[in-house]
Amino acid sequence: MKICILDDSQDAVRRLACFSLLAGHEVTVHRDTVKDEGALAERLALAQAVVLIRERTRLTDSLLARLPALELVSQTGGAGNHLDLEACTRRGVTVCQGQGSPVAPAELTWALVLASMRHVPLEDRRLRAGHWQSTVGRALHGLTLGVWGYGKIGRLVAGYGKAFGMQVLAFGREGSLARAAADGVAVAAGRAQLLEQSDVLCLHLRLAPETRGLVGAADLGRMKPDALLVNTSRAELIAPGALEAALRAGRPGFAAVDVFESEPVLGANHPLLRLDNVVATPHLGYVEQRTYEAYFRQAFENVLAYAAGKPVNVVNPAVKPRASAAPLSGSR
């Protein structure tokens, strides 16, 4: 098969042990991210299979219409809103997905909590510039950790909070509340209590139509002036511009973010990056060696199964696969 792997900004994929699974196929790896639809259509013109690294590239109906050779999209991790699944099904493009792990993003969340509470990035920059201590950090022990969304990642983060001697307060949908209660974690009576009592508030919600813009200016204004908001889930959970405005107004006092509305962010072209009370990382939550090996092994095995005529992990089983534009190596 002619396989395109997009958005490998670290040039990591070819160094993975699982990359050898694609031996015998014609594989092209692109390191840069292309947003322009025309340029992307040209890049993928001959591709029979595309391997997507999470949500780095959007596949829209209009783009799919320009890719007559495309038969398969193999997604690292779960398929999300960046894929027009209905259009894929209608146009005969099979979509396969893998399973994600909560460990790497949960650990990155906690790294951001510690870095922000002790002002590590700021003090590192100042020390390298020839200065000594300039801030007073806060210990986590005895503070309240709010976890908004008690799923696989939220549960791990809550456990880290307990290990650091924090009081954990969970909030979310009925499923989140039930899981938290079953784990003996205190449950907030409502979002107001969660926002007002949290010294550190971590967002662990899925992005969906009902959660887009869920956290607004009024919510942020309820937070303590020395509180920290951590978002390693999706930037769009927060209303546009609300976090920047809230941080300038002083509630919450600090933020740590791993996600942005439009990625990649180049040239430091984002308002949050101009604020000293923000710690930011370039969507590193899932970018970890073992996670990459697991993600890409699943994605490549999905490609091989499809090429063998036995597709697995298909998200759109109603799809009627296209007749191959070119013979597939080992295909049906």
C-alpha atoms as a PDB file:
ATOM      1  CA  MET A   1       0.000   0.000   0.000  1.00  0.00           C
ATOM      2  CA  LYS A   2       0.930   3.617  -0.438  1.00  0.00           C
ATOM      3  CA  ILE A   3       0.890   4.868   3.166  1.00  0.00           C
ATOM      4  CA  CYS A   4       1.254   8.461   4.358  1.00  0.00           C
ATOM      5  CA  ILE A   5       2.076   9.277   7.964  1.00  0.00           C
ATOM      6  CA  LEU A   6       1.352  12.922   8.753  1.00  0.00           C
ATOM      7  CA  ASP A   7       2.641  15.456  11.268  1.00  0.00           C
ATOM      8  CA  ASP A   8       5.620  13.564  12.706  1.00  0.00           C
ATOM      9  CA  SER A   9       7.148  16.781  14.005  1.00  0.00           C
ATOM     10  CA  GLN A  10       9.793  15.023  16.134  1.00  0.00           C
ATOM     11  CA  ASP A  11      10.808  12.586  13.349  1.00  0.00           C
ATOM     12  CA  ALA A  12      10.051   9.870  15.885  1.00  0.00           C
ATOM     13  CA  VAL A  13       8.035   7.330  13.899  1.00  0.00           C
ATOM     14  CA  ARG A  14      10.885   5.897  11.841  1.00  0.00           C
ATOM     15  CA  ARG A  15      12.869   5.273  15.028  1.00  0.00           C
ATOM     16  CA  LEU A  16      10.120   3.209  16.658  1.00  0.00           C
ATOM     17  CA  ALA A  17      10.577  -0.549  16.835  1.00  0.00           C
ATOM     18  CA  CYS A  18       7.087  -1.081  15.407  1.00  0.00           C
ATOM     19  CA  PHE A  19       7.923   0.861  12.213  1.00  0.00           C
ATOM     20  CA  SER A  20       9.399  -2.365  10.830  1.00  0.00           C
ATOM     21  CA  LEU A  21       5.833  -3.713  10.574  1.00  0.00           C
ATOM     22  CA  LEU A  22       5.367  -1.614   7.445  1.00  0.00           C
ATOM     23  CA  ALA A  23       8.290  -3.209   5.598  1.00  0.00           C
ATOM     24  CA  GLY A  24       7.255  -3.983   2.031  1.00  0.00           C
ATOM     25  CA  HIS A  25       4.844  -1.055   1.827  1.00  0.00           C
ATOM     26  CA  GLU A  26       5.530   2.324   0.272  1.00  0.00           C
ATOM     27  CA  VAL A  27       5.645   4.651   3.278  1.00  0.00           C
ATOM     28  CA  THR A  28       6.017   8.431   3.242  1.00  0.00           C
ATOM     29  CA  VAL A  29       6.484  10.288   6.519  1.00  0.00           C
ATOM     30  CA  HIS A  30       5.790  14.029   6.661  1.00  0.00           C
ATOM     31  CA  ARG A  31       7.295  16.020   9.509  1.00  0.00           C
ATOM     32  CA  ASP A  32       5.576  19.351   8.988  1.00  0.00           C
ATOM     33  CA  THR A  33       1.895  20.151   9.484  1.00  0.00           C
ATOM     34  CA  VAL A  34      -0.045  21.464   6.498  1.00  0.00           C
ATOM     35  CA  LYS A  35      -3.316  23.316   7.115  1.00  0.00           C
ATOM     36  CA  ASP A  36      -4.150  24.469   3.589  1.00  0.00           C
ATOM     37  CA  GLU A  37      -6.599  22.014   2.032  1.00  0.00           C
ATOM     38  CA  GLY A  38      -5.125  22.300  -1.457  1.00  0.00           C
ATOM     39  CA  ALA A  39      -1.608  21.579  -0.232  1.00  0.00           C
ATOM     40  CA  LEU A  40      -2.860  18.712   1.896  1.00  0.00           C
ATOM     41  CA  ALA A  41      -4.820  17.237  -1.021  1.00  0.00           C
ATOM     42  CA  GLU A  42      -1.692  17.366  -3.159  1.00  0.00           C
ATOM     43  CA  ARG A  43       0.338  15.710  -0.409  1.00  0.00           C
ATOM     44  CA  LEU A  44      -2.187  12.863  -0.042  1.00  0.00           C
ATOM     45  CA  ALA A  45      -3.151  12.516  -3.718  1.00  0.00           C
ATOM     46  CA  LEU A  46      -1.725   8.998  -4.133  1.00  0.00           C
ATOM     47  CA  ALA A  47      -2.162   7.746  -0.598  1.00  0.00           C
ATOM     48  CA  GLN A  48      -4.247   4.625  -0.114  1.00  0.00           C
ATOM     49  CA  ALA A  49      -3.844   4.745   3.663  1.00  0.00           C
ATOM     50  CA  VAL A  50      -3.234   7.651   6.002  1.00  0.00           C
ATOM     51  CA  VAL A  51      -1.943   7.242   9.546  1.00  0.00           C
ATOM     52  CA  LEU A  52      -2.977  10.164  11.719  1.00  0.00           C
ATOM     53  CA  ILE A  53      -1.092  11.206  14.831  1.00  0.00           C
ATOM     54  CA  ARG A  54      -3.945  12.044  17.155  1.00  0.00           C
ATOM     55  CA  GLU A  55      -5.801  15.198  16.020  1.00  0.00           C
ATOM     56  CA  ARG A  56      -2.938  17.035  14.333  1.00  0.00           C
ATOM     57  CA  THR A  57      -4.696  17.036  10.919  1.00  0.00           C
ATOM     58  CA  ARG A  58      -8.389  17.438  10.160  1.00  0.00           C
ATOM     59  CA  LEU A  59      -9.977  15.239   7.478  1.00  0.00           C
ATOM     60  CA  THR A  60     -13.043  17.068   6.221  1.00  0.00           C
ATOM     61  CA  ASP A  61     -15.627  16.107   3.629  1.00  0.00           C
ATOM     62  CA  SER A  62     -14.227  18.587   1.125  1.00  0.00           C
ATOM     63  CA  LEU A  63     -10.713  17.189   1.556  1.00  0.00           C
ATOM     64  CA  LEU A  64     -11.882  13.589   1.267  1.00  0.00           C
ATOM     65  CA  ALA A  65     -13.625  14.481  -1.992  1.00  0.00           C
ATOM     66  CA  ARG A  66     -10.206  15.324  -3.417  1.00  0.00           C
ATOM     67  CA  LEU A  67      -8.621  12.017  -2.386  1.00  0.00           C
ATOM     68  CA  PRO A  68     -10.047   9.336  -4.702  1.00  0.00           C
ATOM     69  CA  ALA A  69      -7.248   6.879  -3.919  1.00  0.00           C
ATOM     70  CA  LEU A  70      -7.771   6.966  -0.164  1.00  0.00           C
ATOM     71  CA  GLU A  71      -9.236   3.785   1.304  1.00  0.00           C
ATOM     72  CA  LEU A  72      -8.127   3.712   4.913  1.00  0.00           C
ATOM     73  CA  VAL A  73      -7.549   6.087   7.802  1.00  0.00           C
ATOM     74  CA  SER A  74      -5.691   4.467  10.683  1.00  0.00           C
ATOM     75  CA  GLN A  75      -5.924   6.625  13.770  1.00  0.00           C
ATOM     76  CA  THR A  76      -3.411   6.553  16.610  1.00  0.00           C
ATOM     77  CA  GLY A  77      -5.610   6.405  19.678  1.00  0.00           C
ATOM     78  CA  GLY A  78      -9.322   7.053  19.381  1.00  0.00           C
ATOM     79  CA  ALA A  79     -10.997   8.804  16.463  1.00  0.00           C
ATOM     80  CA  GLY A  80     -12.215  12.266  17.403  1.00  0.00           C
ATOM     81  CA  ASN A  81     -13.871  15.398  16.099  1.00  0.00           C
ATOM     82  CA  HIS A  82     -11.055  16.054  13.626  1.00  0.00           C
ATOM     83  CA  LEU A  83     -12.473  13.257  11.472  1.00  0.00           C
ATOM     84  CA  ASP A  84     -15.697  13.666   9.521  1.00  0.00           C
ATOM     85  CA  LEU A  85     -16.748  10.091  10.137  1.00  0.00           C
ATOM     86  CA  GLU A  86     -20.007  10.379   8.205  1.00  0.00           C
ATOM     87  CA  ALA A  87     -18.131  11.662   5.164  1.00  0.00           C
ATOM     88  CA  CYS A  88     -15.598   8.834   5.435  1.00  0.00           C
ATOM     89  CA  THR A  89     -18.404   6.290   5.505  1.00  0.00           C
ATOM     90  CA  ARG A  90     -20.245   7.893   2.592  1.00  0.00           C
ATOM     91  CA  ARG A  91     -17.093   8.122   0.501  1.00  0.00           C
ATOM     92  CA  GLY A  92     -15.987   4.552   1.175  1.00  0.00           C
ATOM     93  CA  VAL A  93     -13.065   5.298   3.477  1.00  0.00           C
ATOM     94  CA  THR A  94     -12.610   2.792   6.292  1.00  0.00           C
ATOM     95  CA  VAL A  95     -11.588   4.299   9.627  1.00  0.00           C
ATOM     96  CA  CYS A  96      -9.747   2.223  12.227  1.00  0.00           C
ATOM     97  CA  GLN A  97      -8.684   3.311  15.674  1.00  0.00           C
ATOM     98  CA  GLY A  98      -6.631   2.113  18.622  1.00  0.00           C
ATOM     99  CA  GLN A  99      -6.787   2.373  22.367  1.00  0.00           C
ATOM    100  CA  GLY A 100      -5.202   5.162  24.362  1.00  0.00           C
ATOM    101  CA  SER A 101      -3.406   5.015  27.685  1.00  0.00           C
ATOM    102  CA  PRO A 102      -4.173   7.446  30.514  1.00  0.00           C
ATOM    103  CA  VAL A 103      -0.720   7.174  32.102  1.00  0.00           C
ATOM    104  CA  ALA A 104       1.323   9.617  30.016  1.00  0.00           C
ATOM    105  CA  PRO A 105      -1.218  12.480  30.029  1.00  0.00           C
ATOM    106  CA  ALA A 106      -1.884  12.017  33.747  1.00  0.00           C
ATOM    107  CA  GLU A 107       1.832  12.214  34.518  1.00  0.00           C
ATOM    108  CA  LEU A 108       2.238  15.303  32.319  1.00  0.00           C
ATOM    109  CA  THR A 109      -0.677  16.892  34.169  1.00  0.00           C
ATOM    110  CA  TRP A 110       1.093  16.359  37.468  1.00  0.00           C
ATOM    111  CA  ALA A 111       4.373  17.654  36.073  1.00  0.00           C
ATOM    112  CA  LEU A 112       2.596  20.883  35.138  1.00  0.00           C
ATOM    113  CA  VAL A 113       1.021  21.130  38.590  1.00  0.00           C
ATOM    114  CA  LEU A 114       4.391  20.855  40.315  1.00  0.00           C
ATOM    115  CA  ALA A 115       6.167  23.131  37.836  1.00  0.00           C
ATOM    116  CA  SER A 116       3.570  25.852  38.214  1.00  0.00           C
ATOM    117  CA  MET A 117       3.107  25.702  41.964  1.00  0.00           C
ATOM    118  CA  ARG A 118       6.881  25.992  42.525  1.00  0.00           C
ATOM    119  CA  HIS A 119       7.455  28.407  39.596  1.00  0.00           C
ATOM    120  CA  VAL A 120      10.055  26.067  38.096  1.00  0.00           C
ATOM    121  CA  PRO A 121      10.114  27.411  34.493  1.00  0.00           C
ATOM    122  CA  LEU A 122      10.367  31.036  35.628  1.00  0.00           C
ATOM    123  CA  GLU A 123      13.123  30.357  38.143  1.00  0.00           C
ATOM    124  CA  ASP A 124      15.005  28.234  35.605  1.00  0.00           C
ATOM    125  CA  ARG A 125      14.956  31.107  33.088  1.00  0.00           C
ATOM    126  CA  ARG A 126      16.070  33.606  35.718  1.00  0.00           C
ATOM    127  CA  LEU A 127      18.885  31.407  37.012  1.00  0.00           C
ATOM    128  CA  ARG A 128      20.243  30.954  33.477  1.00  0.00           C
ATOM    129  CA  ALA A 129      20.070  34.731  33.073  1.00  0.00           C
ATOM    130  CA  GLY A 130      22.274  35.240  36.128  1.00  0.00           C
ATOM    131  CA  HIS A 131      19.640  35.837  38.833  1.00  0.00           C
ATOM    132  CA  TRP A 132      18.774  34.084  42.092  1.00  0.00           C
ATOM    133  CA  GLN A 133      15.453  33.394  43.886  1.00  0.00           C
ATOM    134  CA  SER A 134      12.530  35.659  43.003  1.00  0.00           C
ATOM    135  CA  THR A 135       9.346  33.739  43.904  1.00  0.00           C
ATOM    136  CA  VAL A 136       7.771  31.903  46.823  1.00  0.00           C
ATOM    137  CA  GLY A 137       6.093  28.660  45.825  1.00  0.00           C
ATOM    138  CA  ARG A 138       3.297  26.681  47.458  1.00  0.00           C
ATOM    139  CA  ALA A 139       3.378  23.116  48.758  1.00  0.00           C
ATOM    140  CA  LEU A 140       0.494  20.890  47.691  1.00  0.00           C
ATOM    141  CA  HIS A 141       0.000  19.108  51.006  1.00  0.00           C
ATOM    142  CA  GLY A 142      -3.290  20.159  52.594  1.00  0.00           C
ATOM    143  CA  LEU A 143      -4.607  21.999  49.545  1.00  0.00           C
ATOM    144  CA  THR A 144      -7.727  21.015  47.591  1.00  0.00           C
ATOM    145  CA  LEU A 145      -7.370  19.358  44.204  1.00  0.00           C
ATOM    146  CA  GLY A 146     -10.410  19.703  41.962  1.00  0.00           C
ATOM    147  CA  VAL A 147     -10.815  17.063  39.250  1.00  0.00           C
ATOM    148  CA  TRP A 148     -13.421  17.982  36.648  1.00  0.00           C
ATOM    149  CA  GLY A 149     -14.053  14.747  34.772  1.00  0.00           C
ATOM    150  CA  TYR A 150     -13.335  11.593  36.756  1.00  0.00           C
ATOM    151  CA  GLY A 151     -12.464   9.158  33.979  1.00  0.00           C
ATOM    152  CA  LYS A 152      -9.290   7.144  33.456  1.00  0.00           C
ATOM    153  CA  ILE A 153      -7.000  10.177  33.480  1.00  0.00           C
ATOM    154  CA  GLY A 154      -8.891  12.023  36.201  1.00  0.00           C
ATOM    155  CA  ARG A 155      -8.753   8.990  38.462  1.00  0.00           C
ATOM    156  CA  LEU A 156      -4.962   8.763  38.131  1.00  0.00           C
ATOM    157  CA  VAL A 157      -4.541  12.483  38.801  1.00  0.00           C
ATOM    158  CA  ALA A 158      -6.763  12.187  41.870  1.00  0.00           C
ATOM    159  CA  GLY A 159      -4.504   9.399  43.111  1.00  0.00           C
ATOM    160  CA  TYR A 160      -1.437  11.594  42.666  1.00  0.00           C
ATOM    161  CA  GLY A 161      -3.178  14.310  44.648  1.00  0.00           C
ATOM    162  CA  LYS A 162      -3.889  11.922  47.511  1.00  0.00           C
ATOM    163  CA  ALA A 163      -0.261  10.776  47.486  1.00  0.00           C
ATOM    164  CA  PHE A 164       0.777  14.407  47.948  1.00  0.00           C
ATOM    165  CA  GLY A 165      -1.594  14.838  50.874  1.00  0.00           C
ATOM    166  CA  MET A 166      -4.224  16.869  49.025  1.00  0.00           C
ATOM    167  CA  GLN A 167      -7.964  16.864  49.599  1.00  0.00           C
ATOM    168  CA  VAL A 168      -9.555  15.690  46.340  1.00  0.00           C
ATOM    169  CA  LEU A 169     -12.892  17.047  45.111  1.00  0.00           C
ATOM    170  CA  ALA A 170     -14.400  15.542  41.964  1.00  0.00           C
ATOM    171  CA  PHE A 171     -17.090  16.802  39.616  1.00  0.00           C
ATOM    172  CA  GLY A 172     -18.569  15.846  36.267  1.00  0.00           C
ATOM    173  CA  ARG A 173     -21.373  13.857  34.731  1.00  0.00           C
ATOM    174  CA  GLU A 174     -23.252  11.137  36.573  1.00  0.00           C
ATOM    175  CA  GLY A 175     -20.674   8.536  35.562  1.00  0.00           C
ATOM    176  CA  SER A 176     -17.840  10.626  36.939  1.00  0.00           C
ATOM    177  CA  LEU A 177     -19.668  11.239  40.193  1.00  0.00           C
ATOM    178  CA  ALA A 178     -20.449   7.550  40.625  1.00  0.00           C
ATOM    179  CA  ARG A 179     -16.849   6.469  39.954  1.00  0.00           C
ATOM    180  CA  ALA A 180     -15.483   9.091  42.335  1.00  0.00           C
ATOM    181  CA  ALA A 181     -17.892   8.098  45.094  1.00  0.00           C
ATOM    182  CA  ALA A 182     -17.006   4.435  44.606  1.00  0.00           C
ATOM    183  CA  ASP A 183     -13.330   5.357  45.079  1.00  0.00           C
ATOM    184  CA  GLY A 184     -14.098   7.259  48.264  1.00  0.00           C
ATOM    185  CA  VAL A 185     -13.397  10.639  46.652  1.00  0.00           C
ATOM    186  CA  ALA A 186     -15.452  13.618  47.790  1.00  0.00           C
ATOM    187  CA  VAL A 187     -17.931  14.859  45.188  1.00  0.00           C
ATOM    188  CA  ALA A 188     -18.716  18.533  44.673  1.00  0.00           C
ATOM    189  CA  ALA A 189     -22.353  19.526  45.097  1.00  0.00           C
ATOM    190  CA  GLY A 190     -22.064  21.611  41.923  1.00  0.00           C
ATOM    191  CA  ARG A 191     -19.633  23.392  39.653  1.00  0.00           C
ATOM    192  CA  ALA A 192     -19.695  26.505  41.847  1.00  0.00           C
ATOM    193  CA  GLN A 193     -18.371  24.557  44.820  1.00  0.00           C
ATOM    194  CA  LEU A 194     -15.702  22.902  42.679  1.00  0.00           C
ATOM    195  CA  LEU A 195     -14.500  26.237  41.301  1.00  0.00           C
ATOM    196  CA  GLU A 196     -14.609  28.118  44.583  1.00  0.00           C
ATOM    197  CA  GLN A 197     -12.885  25.484  46.732  1.00  0.00           C
ATOM    198  CA  SER A 198     -10.185  24.179  44.378  1.00  0.00           C
ATOM    199  CA  ASP A 199      -6.634  25.365  44.931  1.00  0.00           C
ATOM    200  CA  VAL A 200      -5.645  23.331  41.887  1.00  0.00           C
ATOM    201  CA  LEU A 201      -8.311  22.526  39.287  1.00  0.00           C
ATOM    202  CA  CYS A 202      -7.567  20.008  36.538  1.00  0.00           C
ATOM    203  CA  LEU A 203      -9.806  19.600  33.498  1.00  0.00           C
ATOM    204  CA  HIS A 204     -10.177  16.028  32.225  1.00  0.00           C
ATOM    205  CA  LEU A 205     -13.221  16.270  29.978  1.00  0.00           C
ATOM    206  CA  ARG A 206     -13.792  15.010  26.452  1.00  0.00           C
ATOM    207  CA  LEU A 207     -14.435  17.657  23.824  1.00  0.00           C
ATOM    208  CA  ALA A 208     -17.982  17.295  22.490  1.00  0.00           C
ATOM    209  CA  PRO A 209     -20.660  19.747  21.355  1.00  0.00           C
ATOM    210  CA  GLU A 210     -21.999  19.921  24.907  1.00  0.00           C
ATOM    211  CA  THR A 211     -18.565  20.555  26.481  1.00  0.00           C
ATOM    212  CA  ARG A 212     -17.240  23.080  23.963  1.00  0.00           C
ATOM    213  CA  GLY A 213     -16.938  26.403  25.791  1.00  0.00           C
ATOM    214  CA  LEU A 214     -18.204  24.749  28.979  1.00  0.00           C
ATOM    215  CA  VAL A 215     -15.929  26.826  31.213  1.00  0.00           C
ATOM    216  CA  GLY A 216     -16.750  30.501  30.837  1.00  0.00           C
ATOM    217  CA  ALA A 217     -15.674  33.832  32.284  1.00  0.00           C
ATOM    218  CA  ALA A 218     -18.135  33.588  35.187  1.00  0.00           C
ATOM    219  CA  ASP A 219     -16.762  30.165  36.129  1.00  0.00           C
ATOM    220  CA  LEU A 220     -13.162  31.339  36.112  1.00  0.00           C
ATOM    221  CA  GLY A 221     -14.129  34.389  38.139  1.00  0.00           C
ATOM    222  CA  ARG A 222     -15.261  32.083  40.962  1.00  0.00           C
ATOM    223  CA  MET A 223     -11.764  30.674  41.425  1.00  0.00           C
ATOM    224  CA  LYS A 224      -9.374  31.805  44.154  1.00  0.00           C
ATOM    225  CA  PRO A 225      -6.837  34.515  43.286  1.00  0.00           C
ATOM    226  CA  ASP A 226      -3.997  32.099  44.089  1.00  0.00           C
ATOM    227  CA  ALA A 227      -5.592  29.048  42.424  1.00  0.00           C
ATOM    228  CA  LEU A 228      -4.106  27.121  39.510  1.00  0.00           C
ATOM    229  CA  LEU A 229      -6.116  25.911  36.509  1.00  0.00           C
ATOM    230  CA  VAL A 230      -4.574  23.020  34.576  1.00  0.00           C
ATOM    231  CA  ASN A 231      -5.828  22.030  31.136  1.00  0.00           C
ATOM    232  CA  THR A 232      -4.252  19.031  29.426  1.00  0.00           C
ATOM    233  CA  SER A 233      -7.489  17.954  27.726  1.00  0.00           C
ATOM    234  CA  ARG A 234      -8.692  20.384  25.046  1.00  0.00           C
ATOM    235  CA  ALA A 235      -8.379  24.156  24.805  1.00  0.00           C
ATOM    236  CA  GLU A 236     -11.900  24.428  23.429  1.00  0.00           C
ATOM    237  CA  LEU A 237     -13.368  23.361  26.768  1.00  0.00           C
ATOM    238  CA  ILE A 238     -12.809  26.974  27.809  1.00  0.00           C
ATOM    239  CA  ALA A 239     -14.712  29.794  26.098  1.00  0.00           C
ATOM    240  CA  PRO A 240     -12.577  31.710  23.574  1.00  0.00           C
ATOM    241  CA  GLY A 241     -10.420  34.345  25.249  1.00  0.00           C
ATOM    242  CA  ALA A 242     -11.873  33.642  28.696  1.00  0.00           C
ATOM    243  CA  LEU A 243      -8.741  32.181  30.263  1.00  0.00           C
ATOM    244  CA  GLU A 244      -6.448  34.986  29.153  1.00  0.00           C
ATOM    245  CA  ALA A 245      -8.894  37.609  30.427  1.00  0.00           C
ATOM    246  CA  ALA A 246      -9.375  35.785  33.731  1.00  0.00           C
ATOM    247  CA  LEU A 247      -5.623  35.484  34.323  1.00  0.00           C
ATOM    248  CA  ARG A 248      -5.160  39.199  33.660  1.00  0.00           C
ATOM    249  CA  ALA A 249      -8.014  39.928  36.082  1.00  0.00           C
ATOM    250  CA  GLY A 250      -6.411  37.736  38.762  1.00  0.00           C
ATOM    251  CA  ARG A 251      -8.881  34.848  39.084  1.00  0.00           C
ATOM    252  CA  PRO A 252      -7.434  32.300  38.845  1.00  0.00           C
ATOM    253  CA  GLY A 253      -3.931  33.464  39.615  1.00  0.00           C
ATOM    254  CA  PHE A 254      -2.171  30.845  37.497  1.00  0.00           C
ATOM    255  CA  ALA A 255      -2.704  28.426  34.621  1.00  0.00           C
ATOM    256  CA  ALA A 256      -0.811  25.508  33.134  1.00  0.00           C
ATOM    257  CA  VAL A 257      -1.829  24.401  29.647  1.00  0.00           C
ATOM    258  CA  ASP A 258      -0.748  21.699  27.226  1.00  0.00           C
ATOM    259  CA  VAL A 259      -3.391  22.373  24.575  1.00  0.00           C
ATOM    260  CA  PHE A 260      -4.270  25.209  22.212  1.00  0.00           C
ATOM    261  CA  GLU A 261      -7.179  25.976  19.894  1.00  0.00           C
ATOM    262  CA  SER A 262      -5.045  25.760  16.744  1.00  0.00           C
ATOM    263  CA  GLU A 263      -1.936  23.613  16.740  1.00  0.00           C
ATOM    264  CA  PRO A 264       0.959  23.735  16.212  1.00  0.00           C
ATOM    265  CA  VAL A 265       1.595  27.119  17.819  1.00  0.00           C
ATOM    266  CA  LEU A 266       4.663  28.612  16.121  1.00  0.00           C
ATOM    267  CA  GLY A 267       6.509  31.832  16.745  1.00  0.00           C
ATOM    268  CA  ALA A 268       5.017  32.050  20.254  1.00  0.00           C
ATOM    269  CA  ASN A 269       1.892  33.307  18.528  1.00  0.00           C
ATOM    270  CA  HIS A 270      -0.650  32.836  21.307  1.00  0.00           C
ATOM    271  CA  PRO A 271      -1.774  35.329  23.958  1.00  0.00           C
ATOM    272  CA  LEU A 272      -1.267  32.885  26.837  1.00  0.00           C
ATOM    273  CA  LEU A 273       2.429  32.660  25.988  1.00  0.00           C
ATOM    274  CA  ARG A 274       2.822  36.336  26.811  1.00  0.00           C
ATOM    275  CA  LEU A 275       1.716  35.883  30.433  1.00  0.00           C
ATOM    276  CA  ASP A 276       4.232  35.157  33.204  1.00  0.00           C
ATOM    277  CA  ASN A 277       1.580  33.374  35.285  1.00  0.00           C
ATOM    278  CA  VAL A 278       1.184  30.655  32.635  1.00  0.00           C
ATOM    279  CA  VAL A 279       3.231  27.479  32.248  1.00  0.00           C
ATOM    280  CA  ALA A 280       2.764  26.009  28.775  1.00  0.00           C
ATOM    281  CA  THR A 281       3.868  22.899  26.908  1.00  0.00           C
ATOM    282  CA  PRO A 282       3.300  21.985  23.218  1.00  0.00           C
ATOM    283  CA  HIS A 283       0.697  19.204  23.599  1.00  0.00           C
ATOM    284  CA  LEU A 284       3.072  16.720  25.192  1.00  0.00           C
ATOM    285  CA  GLY A 285       0.429  14.757  27.101  1.00  0.00           C
ATOM    286  CA  TYR A 286       0.609  11.615  24.971  1.00  0.00           C
ATOM    287  CA  VAL A 287       4.109  12.223  23.576  1.00  0.00           C
ATOM    288  CA  GLU A 288       6.019   9.533  25.454  1.00  0.00           C
ATOM    289  CA  GLN A 289       8.128   6.605  24.239  1.00  0.00           C
ATOM    290  CA  ARG A 290       6.030   3.645  25.406  1.00  0.00           C
ATOM    291  CA  THR A 291       2.817   5.423  24.486  1.00  0.00           C
ATOM    292  CA  TYR A 292       4.122   6.087  20.977  1.00  0.00           C
ATOM    293  CA  GLU A 293       5.159   2.458  20.556  1.00  0.00           C
ATOM    294  CA  ALA A 294       1.698   1.287  21.642  1.00  0.00           C
ATOM    295  CA  TYR A 295      -0.203   3.870  19.568  1.00  0.00           C
ATOM    296  CA  PHE A 296       1.712   3.256  16.359  1.00  0.00           C
ATOM    297  CA  ARG A 297       1.868  -0.506  16.723  1.00  0.00           C
ATOM    298  CA  GLN A 298      -1.939  -0.548  16.877  1.00  0.00           C
ATOM    299  CA  ALA A 299      -2.202   1.857  13.934  1.00  0.00           C
ATOM    300  CA  PHE A 300       0.214  -0.173  11.792  1.00  0.00           C
ATOM    301  CA  GLU A 301      -1.435  -3.475  12.707  1.00  0.00           C
ATOM    302  CA  ASN A 302      -4.742  -1.955  11.604  1.00  0.00           C
ATOM    303  CA  VAL A 303      -3.169  -1.106   8.239  1.00  0.00           C
ATOM    304  CA  LEU A 304      -1.807  -4.621   7.821  1.00  0.00           C
ATOM    305  CA  ALA A 305      -5.138  -6.219   8.742  1.00  0.00           C
ATOM    306  CA  TYR A 306      -6.913  -4.038   6.184  1.00  0.00           C
ATOM    307  CA  ALA A 307      -4.358  -4.876   3.498  1.00  0.00           C
ATOM    308  CA  ALA A 308      -4.927  -8.571   4.261  1.00  0.00           C
ATOM    309  CA  GLY A 309      -8.656  -8.134   3.729  1.00  0.00           C
ATOM    310  CA  LYS A 310      -9.502  -8.586   7.409  1.00  0.00           C
ATOM    311  CA  PRO A 311      -9.980  -5.069   8.814  1.00  0.00           C
ATOM    312  CA  VAL A 312     -10.107  -4.719  12.586  1.00  0.00           C
ATOM    313  CA  ASN A 313     -10.983  -1.944  15.033  1.00  0.00           C
ATOM    314  CA  VAL A 314     -13.252  -0.351  12.433  1.00  0.00           C
ATOM    315  CA  VAL A 315     -15.105   2.716  13.698  1.00  0.00           C
ATOM    316  CA  ASN A 316     -17.515   2.943  10.746  1.00  0.00           C
ATOM    317  CA  PRO A 317     -18.609  -0.657  10.027  1.00  0.00           C
ATOM    318  CA  ALA A 318     -21.332   0.536   7.644  1.00  0.00           C
ATOM    319  CA  VAL A 319     -18.675   1.686   5.166  1.00  0.00           C
ATOM    320  CA  LYS A 320     -18.624   0.106   1.724  1.00  0.00           C
ATOM    321  CA  PRO A 321     -14.923   0.075   0.881  1.00  0.00           C
ATOM    322  CA  ARG A 322     -13.816   1.643  -2.375  1.00  0.00           C
ATOM    323  CA  ALA A 323     -12.461  -0.532  -5.118  1.00  0.00           C
ATOM    324  CA  SER A 324      -8.695  -0.159  -4.873  1.00  0.00           C
ATOM    325  CA  ALA A 325      -7.208   2.513  -7.087  1.00  0.00           C
ATOM    326  CA  ALA A 326      -4.092   0.310  -7.203  1.00  0.00           C
ATOM    327  CA  PRO A 327      -3.496  -3.291  -6.127  1.00  0.00           C
ATOM    328  CA  LEU A 328      -2.845  -3.564  -2.401  1.00  0.00           C
ATOM    329  CA  SER A 329       0.137  -5.525  -1.200  1.00  0.00           C
ATOM    330  CA  GLY A 330      -1.289  -8.649   0.378  1.00  0.00           C
ATOM    331  CA  SER A 331      -4.842  -7.332   0.075  1.00  0.00           C
ATOM    332  CA  ARG A 332      -8.094  -9.091  -0.642  1.00  0.00           C
END
